[in-house]
Amino acid sequence: MNFKGKNNPFYGKHHSKKTKIKMSETKKELYRTGRLVHPMKGKHHSEVSKRKLSKSIKKNIESIELNTKRINEWNRKHGVEKRNEKNPMWKGDKVTYRCLHQWVVRNKPKGISCAKCGSNKPLEIANISGEYKRDINDYKWLCRKCHMMEDKRMSNLKQYQKKTNDNVK
């Protein structure tokens, strides 16, 4: 039976991205284990082929650089002009808790270590005053434990309630 062209049952169809990745990983594994030999193993590209490949790659790089320049120019033109107060969707101090945290994370430089204990554990942004206002200086970078102690959430955890009750007796 001839499965070429339109006679192929897969004609006009396409593999999903997930399937393509799975097929690629399977083939790489077969090459790695030696159960399948790569068609170019032991062969070399001719000088003509090398020039064609080089030209094609350079062309792709040039188009990527051109697109990057266009994108950067567009961002410079449109993006910077409408940031913060200049944006028509700007809500000022009437912003939600989540959006305010996102704004602070974007605008406050991240510390290297916890502002309270100095540990290098992953940091999160913590409000100092308890009033959620749009003031960068009202926030600091703390590790999870210090943040929970600062917010007095640590006492809500059962394992810490037991320790504090034992200390009181």
C-alpha atoms as a PDB file:
ATOM      1  CA  MET A   1       0.000   0.000   0.000  1.00  0.00           C
ATOM      2  CA  ASN A   2       1.283   3.505  -0.844  1.00  0.00           C
ATOM      3  CA  PHE A   3       1.259   5.939   2.116  1.00  0.00           C
ATOM      4  CA  LYS A   4       2.897   8.878   0.339  1.00  0.00           C
ATOM      5  CA  GLY A   5       1.258  12.331   0.165  1.00  0.00           C
ATOM      6  CA  LYS A   6      -2.524  12.433   0.471  1.00  0.00           C
ATOM      7  CA  ASN A   7      -2.714   8.660   0.939  1.00  0.00           C
ATOM      8  CA  ASN A   8      -1.005   8.988   4.313  1.00  0.00           C
ATOM      9  CA  PRO A   9      -3.594   8.903   7.129  1.00  0.00           C
ATOM     10  CA  PHE A  10      -1.630  11.637   8.963  1.00  0.00           C
ATOM     11  CA  TYR A  11      -1.651  13.942   5.893  1.00  0.00           C
ATOM     12  CA  GLY A  12      -2.566  17.544   6.829  1.00  0.00           C
ATOM     13  CA  LYS A  13      -2.413  16.836  10.567  1.00  0.00           C
ATOM     14  CA  HIS A  14       0.221  18.059  13.028  1.00  0.00           C
ATOM     15  CA  HIS A  15       1.751  16.724  16.234  1.00  0.00           C
ATOM     16  CA  SER A  16       1.092  18.704  19.427  1.00  0.00           C
ATOM     17  CA  LYS A  17       4.007  20.465  21.108  1.00  0.00           C
ATOM     18  CA  LYS A  18       3.861  17.942  23.963  1.00  0.00           C
ATOM     19  CA  THR A  19       4.060  15.009  21.513  1.00  0.00           C
ATOM     20  CA  LYS A  20       6.979  16.596  19.633  1.00  0.00           C
ATOM     21  CA  ILE A  21       8.922  17.005  22.892  1.00  0.00           C
ATOM     22  CA  LYS A  22       8.191  13.397  23.875  1.00  0.00           C
ATOM     23  CA  MET A  23       9.341  12.125  20.444  1.00  0.00           C
ATOM     24  CA  SER A  24      12.509  14.229  20.658  1.00  0.00           C
ATOM     25  CA  GLU A  25      13.359  12.939  24.150  1.00  0.00           C
ATOM     26  CA  THR A  26      12.767   9.330  23.053  1.00  0.00           C
ATOM     27  CA  LYS A  27      15.043   9.740  20.022  1.00  0.00           C
ATOM     28  CA  LYS A  28      17.767  11.400  22.127  1.00  0.00           C
ATOM     29  CA  GLU A  29      17.589   8.479  24.576  1.00  0.00           C
ATOM     30  CA  LEU A  30      17.921   5.979  21.718  1.00  0.00           C
ATOM     31  CA  TYR A  31      20.962   7.838  20.343  1.00  0.00           C
ATOM     32  CA  ARG A  32      22.507   8.071  23.814  1.00  0.00           C
ATOM     33  CA  THR A  33      22.098   4.350  24.568  1.00  0.00           C
ATOM     34  CA  GLY A  34      23.328   3.316  21.105  1.00  0.00           C
ATOM     35  CA  ARG A  35      20.084   1.552  20.107  1.00  0.00           C
ATOM     36  CA  LEU A  36      19.768   4.027  17.231  1.00  0.00           C
ATOM     37  CA  VAL A  37      22.639   5.519  15.250  1.00  0.00           C
ATOM     38  CA  HIS A  38      22.376   9.165  14.238  1.00  0.00           C
ATOM     39  CA  PRO A  39      22.285   9.494  10.432  1.00  0.00           C
ATOM     40  CA  MET A  40      25.208  11.967  10.480  1.00  0.00           C
ATOM     41  CA  LYS A  41      27.452   9.832  12.709  1.00  0.00           C
ATOM     42  CA  GLY A  42      30.853   9.425  11.065  1.00  0.00           C
ATOM     43  CA  LYS A  43      29.918  11.790   8.220  1.00  0.00           C
ATOM     44  CA  HIS A  44      30.931  15.392   7.616  1.00  0.00           C
ATOM     45  CA  HIS A  45      29.269  18.314   5.871  1.00  0.00           C
ATOM     46  CA  SER A  46      30.822  19.369   2.589  1.00  0.00           C
ATOM     47  CA  GLU A  47      32.320  22.866   2.289  1.00  0.00           C
ATOM     48  CA  VAL A  48      29.320  23.975   0.200  1.00  0.00           C
ATOM     49  CA  SER A  49      26.931  22.627   2.828  1.00  0.00           C
ATOM     50  CA  LYS A  50      28.868  24.359   5.607  1.00  0.00           C
ATOM     51  CA  ARG A  51      28.662  27.709   3.771  1.00  0.00           C
ATOM     52  CA  LYS A  52      24.906  27.288   3.258  1.00  0.00           C
ATOM     53  CA  LEU A  53      24.360  26.458   6.931  1.00  0.00           C
ATOM     54  CA  SER A  54      26.526  29.387   8.028  1.00  0.00           C
ATOM     55  CA  LYS A  55      24.667  31.793   5.721  1.00  0.00           C
ATOM     56  CA  SER A  56      21.293  30.550   6.986  1.00  0.00           C
ATOM     57  CA  ILE A  57      22.295  30.903  10.641  1.00  0.00           C
ATOM     58  CA  LYS A  58      23.685  34.418  10.073  1.00  0.00           C
ATOM     59  CA  LYS A  59      20.428  35.386   8.329  1.00  0.00           C
ATOM     60  CA  ASN A  60      18.386  34.121  11.310  1.00  0.00           C
ATOM     61  CA  ILE A  61      20.599  35.998  13.770  1.00  0.00           C
ATOM     62  CA  GLU A  62      20.233  39.215  11.757  1.00  0.00           C
ATOM     63  CA  SER A  63      16.438  38.882  11.701  1.00  0.00           C
ATOM     64  CA  ILE A  64      16.371  38.208  15.454  1.00  0.00           C
ATOM     65  CA  GLU A  65      18.525  41.297  16.076  1.00  0.00           C
ATOM     66  CA  LEU A  66      16.267  43.383  13.823  1.00  0.00           C
ATOM     67  CA  ASN A  67      13.135  42.187  15.650  1.00  0.00           C
ATOM     68  CA  THR A  68      14.787  42.887  19.002  1.00  0.00           C
ATOM     69  CA  LYS A  69      15.590  46.442  17.871  1.00  0.00           C
ATOM     70  CA  ARG A  70      11.974  46.943  16.745  1.00  0.00           C
ATOM     71  CA  ILE A  71      10.582  45.585  20.020  1.00  0.00           C
ATOM     72  CA  ASN A  72      12.932  47.729  22.112  1.00  0.00           C
ATOM     73  CA  GLU A  73      12.017  50.801  20.073  1.00  0.00           C
ATOM     74  CA  TRP A  74       8.290  50.098  20.503  1.00  0.00           C
ATOM     75  CA  ASN A  75       8.731  49.573  24.265  1.00  0.00           C
ATOM     76  CA  ARG A  76      10.684  52.802  24.517  1.00  0.00           C
ATOM     77  CA  LYS A  77       7.969  54.624  22.601  1.00  0.00           C
ATOM     78  CA  HIS A  78       4.885  53.148  24.287  1.00  0.00           C
ATOM     79  CA  GLY A  79       5.868  51.332  27.456  1.00  0.00           C
ATOM     80  CA  VAL A  80       7.804  53.986  29.348  1.00  0.00           C
ATOM     81  CA  GLU A  81       5.317  56.734  28.525  1.00  0.00           C
ATOM     82  CA  LYS A  82       2.494  54.918  30.292  1.00  0.00           C
ATOM     83  CA  ARG A  83       4.102  53.654  33.485  1.00  0.00           C
ATOM     84  CA  ASN A  84       2.822  54.321  37.000  1.00  0.00           C
ATOM     85  CA  GLU A  85       0.823  57.556  37.301  1.00  0.00           C
ATOM     86  CA  LYS A  86       0.832  58.135  33.535  1.00  0.00           C
ATOM     87  CA  ASN A  87      -1.103  54.914  32.908  1.00  0.00           C
ATOM     88  CA  PRO A  88      -4.856  55.516  32.466  1.00  0.00           C
ATOM     89  CA  MET A  89      -5.559  52.382  34.582  1.00  0.00           C
ATOM     90  CA  TRP A  90      -3.492  53.715  37.537  1.00  0.00           C
ATOM     91  CA  LYS A  91      -5.438  53.403  40.821  1.00  0.00           C
ATOM     92  CA  GLY A  92      -3.003  55.161  43.147  1.00  0.00           C
ATOM     93  CA  ASP A  93      -3.649  54.217  46.794  1.00  0.00           C
ATOM     94  CA  LYS A  94      -6.934  52.444  45.951  1.00  0.00           C
ATOM     95  CA  VAL A  95      -5.000  49.431  44.669  1.00  0.00           C
ATOM     96  CA  THR A  96      -5.716  45.863  45.832  1.00  0.00           C
ATOM     97  CA  TYR A  97      -3.438  44.048  48.300  1.00  0.00           C
ATOM     98  CA  ARG A  98      -2.115  41.688  45.605  1.00  0.00           C
ATOM     99  CA  CYS A  99      -1.393  44.417  43.058  1.00  0.00           C
ATOM    100  CA  LEU A 100       0.317  46.536  45.711  1.00  0.00           C
ATOM    101  CA  HIS A 101       2.608  43.618  46.605  1.00  0.00           C
ATOM    102  CA  GLN A 102       3.415  43.103  42.913  1.00  0.00           C
ATOM    103  CA  TRP A 103       4.207  46.811  42.554  1.00  0.00           C
ATOM    104  CA  VAL A 104       6.524  46.728  45.594  1.00  0.00           C
ATOM    105  CA  VAL A 105       8.305  43.555  44.367  1.00  0.00           C
ATOM    106  CA  ARG A 106       8.892  45.217  40.973  1.00  0.00           C
ATOM    107  CA  ASN A 107      10.151  48.496  42.428  1.00  0.00           C
ATOM    108  CA  LYS A 108      12.012  47.589  45.650  1.00  0.00           C
ATOM    109  CA  PRO A 109      15.483  46.125  45.064  1.00  0.00           C
ATOM    110  CA  LYS A 110      15.648  42.598  46.461  1.00  0.00           C
ATOM    111  CA  GLY A 111      18.010  42.096  49.369  1.00  0.00           C
ATOM    112  CA  ILE A 112      20.628  39.367  49.483  1.00  0.00           C
ATOM    113  CA  SER A 113      19.702  38.239  52.981  1.00  0.00           C
ATOM    114  CA  CYS A 114      16.866  38.599  55.485  1.00  0.00           C
ATOM    115  CA  ALA A 115      16.672  42.125  56.952  1.00  0.00           C
ATOM    116  CA  LYS A 116      15.952  40.685  60.431  1.00  0.00           C
ATOM    117  CA  CYS A 117      18.039  37.507  60.929  1.00  0.00           C
ATOM    118  CA  GLY A 118      20.490  37.794  58.011  1.00  0.00           C
ATOM    119  CA  SER A 119      19.846  34.268  56.657  1.00  0.00           C
ATOM    120  CA  ASN A 120      20.155  33.528  52.933  1.00  0.00           C
ATOM    121  CA  LYS A 121      16.833  31.648  52.739  1.00  0.00           C
ATOM    122  CA  PRO A 122      14.297  32.647  50.055  1.00  0.00           C
ATOM    123  CA  LEU A 123      12.959  36.132  50.780  1.00  0.00           C
ATOM    124  CA  GLU A 124       9.474  37.616  50.616  1.00  0.00           C
ATOM    125  CA  ILE A 125       8.282  41.190  50.898  1.00  0.00           C
ATOM    126  CA  ALA A 126       6.868  42.208  54.290  1.00  0.00           C
ATOM    127  CA  ASN A 127       4.902  45.323  55.269  1.00  0.00           C
ATOM    128  CA  ILE A 128       6.376  47.183  58.240  1.00  0.00           C
ATOM    129  CA  SER A 129       3.567  49.441  59.491  1.00  0.00           C
ATOM    130  CA  GLY A 130       0.570  47.196  58.820  1.00  0.00           C
ATOM    131  CA  GLU A 131      -0.957  49.960  56.699  1.00  0.00           C
ATOM    132  CA  TYR A 132      -0.804  48.924  53.081  1.00  0.00           C
ATOM    133  CA  LYS A 133       0.190  52.179  51.445  1.00  0.00           C
ATOM    134  CA  ARG A 134       2.149  52.808  48.259  1.00  0.00           C
ATOM    135  CA  ASP A 135       5.419  53.618  50.001  1.00  0.00           C
ATOM    136  CA  ILE A 136       8.496  51.565  49.125  1.00  0.00           C
ATOM    137  CA  ASN A 137      10.113  52.368  52.493  1.00  0.00           C
ATOM    138  CA  ASP A 138       7.157  50.730  54.297  1.00  0.00           C
ATOM    139  CA  TYR A 139       8.322  47.287  53.108  1.00  0.00           C
ATOM    140  CA  LYS A 140      11.352  45.077  53.750  1.00  0.00           C
ATOM    141  CA  TRP A 141      12.671  41.724  52.521  1.00  0.00           C
ATOM    142  CA  LEU A 142      12.371  38.961  55.147  1.00  0.00           C
ATOM    143  CA  CYS A 143      12.743  35.185  55.171  1.00  0.00           C
ATOM    144  CA  ARG A 144       9.490  33.231  55.657  1.00  0.00           C
ATOM    145  CA  LYS A 145      10.057  32.534  59.361  1.00  0.00           C
ATOM    146  CA  CYS A 146      10.861  36.165  60.244  1.00  0.00           C
ATOM    147  CA  HIS A 147       7.932  37.371  58.129  1.00  0.00           C
ATOM    148  CA  MET A 148       5.544  35.059  59.999  1.00  0.00           C
ATOM    149  CA  MET A 149       6.960  36.109  63.397  1.00  0.00           C
ATOM    150  CA  GLU A 150       6.733  39.775  62.404  1.00  0.00           C
ATOM    151  CA  ASP A 151       3.072  39.334  61.387  1.00  0.00           C
ATOM    152  CA  LYS A 152       2.464  37.283  64.564  1.00  0.00           C
ATOM    153  CA  ARG A 153       1.270  34.340  62.463  1.00  0.00           C
ATOM    154  CA  MET A 154       3.846  31.982  63.980  1.00  0.00           C
ATOM    155  CA  SER A 155       1.796  31.672  67.185  1.00  0.00           C
ATOM    156  CA  ASN A 156      -1.129  30.297  65.133  1.00  0.00           C
ATOM    157  CA  LEU A 157       0.855  27.200  64.157  1.00  0.00           C
ATOM    158  CA  LYS A 158       0.225  24.169  66.427  1.00  0.00           C
ATOM    159  CA  GLN A 159       3.904  23.205  66.738  1.00  0.00           C
ATOM    160  CA  TYR A 160       4.779  26.702  68.045  1.00  0.00           C
ATOM    161  CA  GLN A 161       1.680  26.966  70.285  1.00  0.00           C
ATOM    162  CA  LYS A 162       2.875  23.895  72.203  1.00  0.00           C
ATOM    163  CA  LYS A 163       6.371  25.394  72.701  1.00  0.00           C
ATOM    164  CA  THR A 164       4.990  28.712  73.950  1.00  0.00           C
ATOM    165  CA  ASN A 165       2.514  26.958  76.296  1.00  0.00           C
ATOM    166  CA  ASP A 166       5.345  24.834  77.745  1.00  0.00           C
ATOM    167  CA  ASN A 167       7.421  27.963  78.356  1.00  0.00           C
ATOM    168  CA  VAL A 168       4.529  29.651  80.207  1.00  0.00           C
ATOM    169  CA  LYS A 169       4.075  26.769  82.733  1.00  0.00           C
END
